[in-house]
C-alpha atoms as a PDB file:
ATOM      1  CA  MET A   1      34.193 194.756   1.061  1.00  0.00           C
ATOM      2  CA  LEU A   2      32.464 193.833  -2.176  1.00  0.00           C
ATOM      3  CA  MET A   3      29.200 195.689  -2.825  1.00  0.00           C
ATOM      4  CA  GLU A   4      26.418 194.204  -4.945  1.00  0.00           C
ATOM      5  CA  TYR A   5      24.847 196.604  -7.407  1.00  0.00           C
ATOM      6  CA  PHE A   6      21.575 196.015  -9.199  1.00  0.00           C
ATOM      7  CA  ASN A   7      19.668 197.632 -12.029  1.00  0.00           C
ATOM      8  CA  TYR A   8      16.054 198.549 -11.425  1.00  0.00           C
ATOM      9  CA  LYS A   9      12.816 198.950 -13.318  1.00  0.00           C
ATOM     10  CA  TYR A  10      10.021 201.043 -11.827  1.00  0.00           C
ATOM     11  CA  ILE A  11       6.525 199.963 -12.918  1.00  0.00           C
ATOM     12  CA  THR A  12       3.322 201.897 -12.185  1.00  0.00           C
ATOM     13  CA  ASP A  13       0.725 200.717 -14.678  1.00  0.00           C
ATOM     14  CA  ALA A  14      -1.189 197.632 -15.759  1.00  0.00           C
ATOM     15  CA  ALA A  15       0.987 196.146 -18.493  1.00  0.00           C
ATOM     16  CA  THR A  16       3.324 193.388 -19.570  1.00  0.00           C
ATOM     17  CA  THR A  17       6.848 194.711 -18.977  1.00  0.00           C
ATOM     18  CA  THR A  18      10.037 193.030 -20.131  1.00  0.00           C
ATOM     19  CA  VAL A  19      12.454 194.040 -17.384  1.00  0.00           C
ATOM     20  CA  ALA A  20      15.432 192.185 -18.891  1.00  0.00           C
ATOM     21  CA  ALA A  21      15.315 190.736 -22.410  1.00  0.00           C
ATOM     22  CA  ARG A  22      18.083 188.221 -21.731  1.00  0.00           C
ATOM     23  CA  PRO A  23      19.110 185.880 -18.891  1.00  0.00           C
ATOM     24  CA  ALA A  24      19.195 187.805 -15.612  1.00  0.00           C
ATOM     25  CA  PHE A  25      19.433 187.516 -11.838  1.00  0.00           C
ATOM     26  CA  LEU A  26      16.205 188.620 -10.136  1.00  0.00           C
ATOM     27  CA  HIS A  27      17.121 190.045  -6.753  1.00  0.00           C
ATOM     28  CA  SER A  28      13.836 191.457  -5.441  1.00  0.00           C
ATOM     29  CA  ILE A  29      10.476 193.049  -6.128  1.00  0.00           C
ATOM     30  CA  THR A  30       9.501 195.932  -3.876  1.00  0.00           C
ATOM     31  CA  LEU A  31       5.786 196.603  -3.536  1.00  0.00           C
ATOM     32  CA  ASN A  32       5.836 200.352  -2.859  1.00  0.00           C
ATOM     33  CA  GLU A  33       2.104 200.277  -2.052  1.00  0.00           C
ATOM     34  CA  ALA A  34      -0.434 197.498  -1.538  1.00  0.00           C
ATOM     35  CA  THR A  35      -0.949 195.803  -4.900  1.00  0.00           C
ATOM     36  CA  ALA A  36      -3.949 196.914  -6.955  1.00  0.00           C
ATOM     37  CA  GLY A  37      -4.037 193.675  -8.937  1.00  0.00           C
ATOM     38  CA  ALA A  38      -2.157 190.406  -9.189  1.00  0.00           C
ATOM     39  CA  ILE A  39       1.461 190.513 -10.374  1.00  0.00           C
ATOM     40  CA  THR A  40       2.822 187.602 -12.403  1.00  0.00           C
ATOM     41  CA  VAL A  41       6.580 187.045 -12.551  1.00  0.00           C
ATOM     42  CA  LYS A  42       7.799 185.131 -15.615  1.00  0.00           C
ATOM     43  CA  ASP A  43      10.981 183.664 -17.022  1.00  0.00           C
ATOM     44  CA  GLY A  44      10.129 184.272 -20.666  1.00  0.00           C
ATOM     45  CA  ASP A  45       6.730 182.555 -21.053  1.00  0.00           C
ATOM     46  CA  THR A  46       7.060 180.425 -17.889  1.00  0.00           C
ATOM     47  CA  THR A  47       5.306 181.683 -14.749  1.00  0.00           C
ATOM     48  CA  ILE A  48       7.560 181.436 -11.703  1.00  0.00           C
ATOM     49  CA  ALA A  49       5.511 183.418  -9.162  1.00  0.00           C
ATOM     50  CA  ILE A  50       2.196 185.169  -8.656  1.00  0.00           C
ATOM     51  CA  ILE A  51       1.835 187.951  -6.110  1.00  0.00           C
ATOM     52  CA  LYS A  52      -1.821 188.246  -5.099  1.00  0.00           C
ATOM     53  CA  ALA A  53      -3.842 191.441  -5.313  1.00  0.00           C
ATOM     54  CA  ALA A  54      -4.030 193.443  -2.056  1.00  0.00           C
ATOM     55  CA  THR A  55      -0.607 192.232  -0.869  1.00  0.00           C
ATOM     56  CA  THR A  56       0.774 194.826   1.561  1.00  0.00           C
ATOM     57  CA  ALA A  57       3.779 197.025   0.802  1.00  0.00           C
ATOM     58  CA  GLN A  58       6.992 195.019   1.307  1.00  0.00           C
ATOM     59  CA  THR A  59      10.119 193.759  -0.419  1.00  0.00           C
ATOM     60  CA  LEU A  60      10.051 190.199  -1.710  1.00  0.00           C
ATOM     61  CA  THR A  61      13.515 188.698  -2.175  1.00  0.00           C
ATOM     62  CA  TYR A  62      13.946 186.082  -4.900  1.00  0.00           C
ATOM     63  CA  ASP A  63      17.714 185.845  -5.588  1.00  0.00           C
ATOM     64  CA  ILE A  64      17.252 183.528  -8.562  1.00  0.00           C
ATOM     65  CA  CYS A  65      18.654 183.261 -12.081  1.00  0.00           C
ATOM     66  CA  LEU A  66      16.143 183.392 -14.910  1.00  0.00           C
ATOM     67  CA  ASN A  67      17.216 181.572 -18.060  1.00  0.00           C
ATOM     68  CA  THR A  68      15.383 183.576 -20.728  1.00  0.00           C
ATOM     69  CA  SER A  69      14.236 186.998 -19.487  1.00  0.00           C
ATOM     70  CA  ILE A  70      12.438 188.768 -16.672  1.00  0.00           C
ATOM     71  CA  VAL A  71       8.849 189.618 -17.579  1.00  0.00           C
ATOM     72  CA  ILE A  72       6.437 191.223 -15.119  1.00  0.00           C
ATOM     73  CA  VAL A  73       2.692 191.245 -15.824  1.00  0.00           C
ATOM     74  CA  THR A  74       0.712 193.676 -13.680  1.00  0.00           C
ATOM     75  CA  ALA A  75      -3.074 193.263 -13.716  1.00  0.00           C
ATOM     76  CA  GLY A  76      -3.671 196.613 -12.009  1.00  0.00           C
ATOM     77  CA  ALA A  77      -1.945 199.969 -11.685  1.00  0.00           C
ATOM     78  CA  ASP A  78       0.618 198.618  -9.236  1.00  0.00           C
ATOM     79  CA  ASP A  79       3.548 200.634  -7.869  1.00  0.00           C
ATOM     80  CA  ILE A  80       6.557 198.303  -7.833  1.00  0.00           C
ATOM     81  CA  THR A  81      10.318 198.354  -8.243  1.00  0.00           C
ATOM     82  CA  VAL A  82      12.135 195.316  -9.674  1.00  0.00           C
ATOM     83  CA  SER A  83      15.829 194.922  -8.749  1.00  0.00           C
ATOM     84  CA  PHE A  84      17.863 192.730 -11.095  1.00  0.00           C
ATOM     85  CA  LYS A  85      21.229 192.154 -12.723  1.00  0.00           C
ATOM     86  CA  PRO A  86      21.665 191.060 -16.370  1.00  0.00           C
ATOM     87  CA  LEU A  87      23.830 187.947 -16.632  1.00  0.00           C
ATOM     88  CA  GLN A  88      26.869 187.709 -18.892  1.00  0.00           C
ATOM     89  CA  THR A  89      26.196 185.299 -21.744  1.00  0.00           C
END
């Protein structure tokens, strides 16, 4: 049985965080608590998703390849975990 393994980045403050600075596979974003502010998910400078403020704790599965990088912009002091895998280039 082949197991999938992912890297993670834990984010707890309002900031712009580069999770992966190269092409990567975004598996999921876990909202460990209800979001304090909106969370913007970007592939480099391109917005691919916005998670609204006050979204309840849950895991959002994306399973997508991002061509440039994974950048997460948190507008509030959110408590999230991003699961990803850098791609071989």
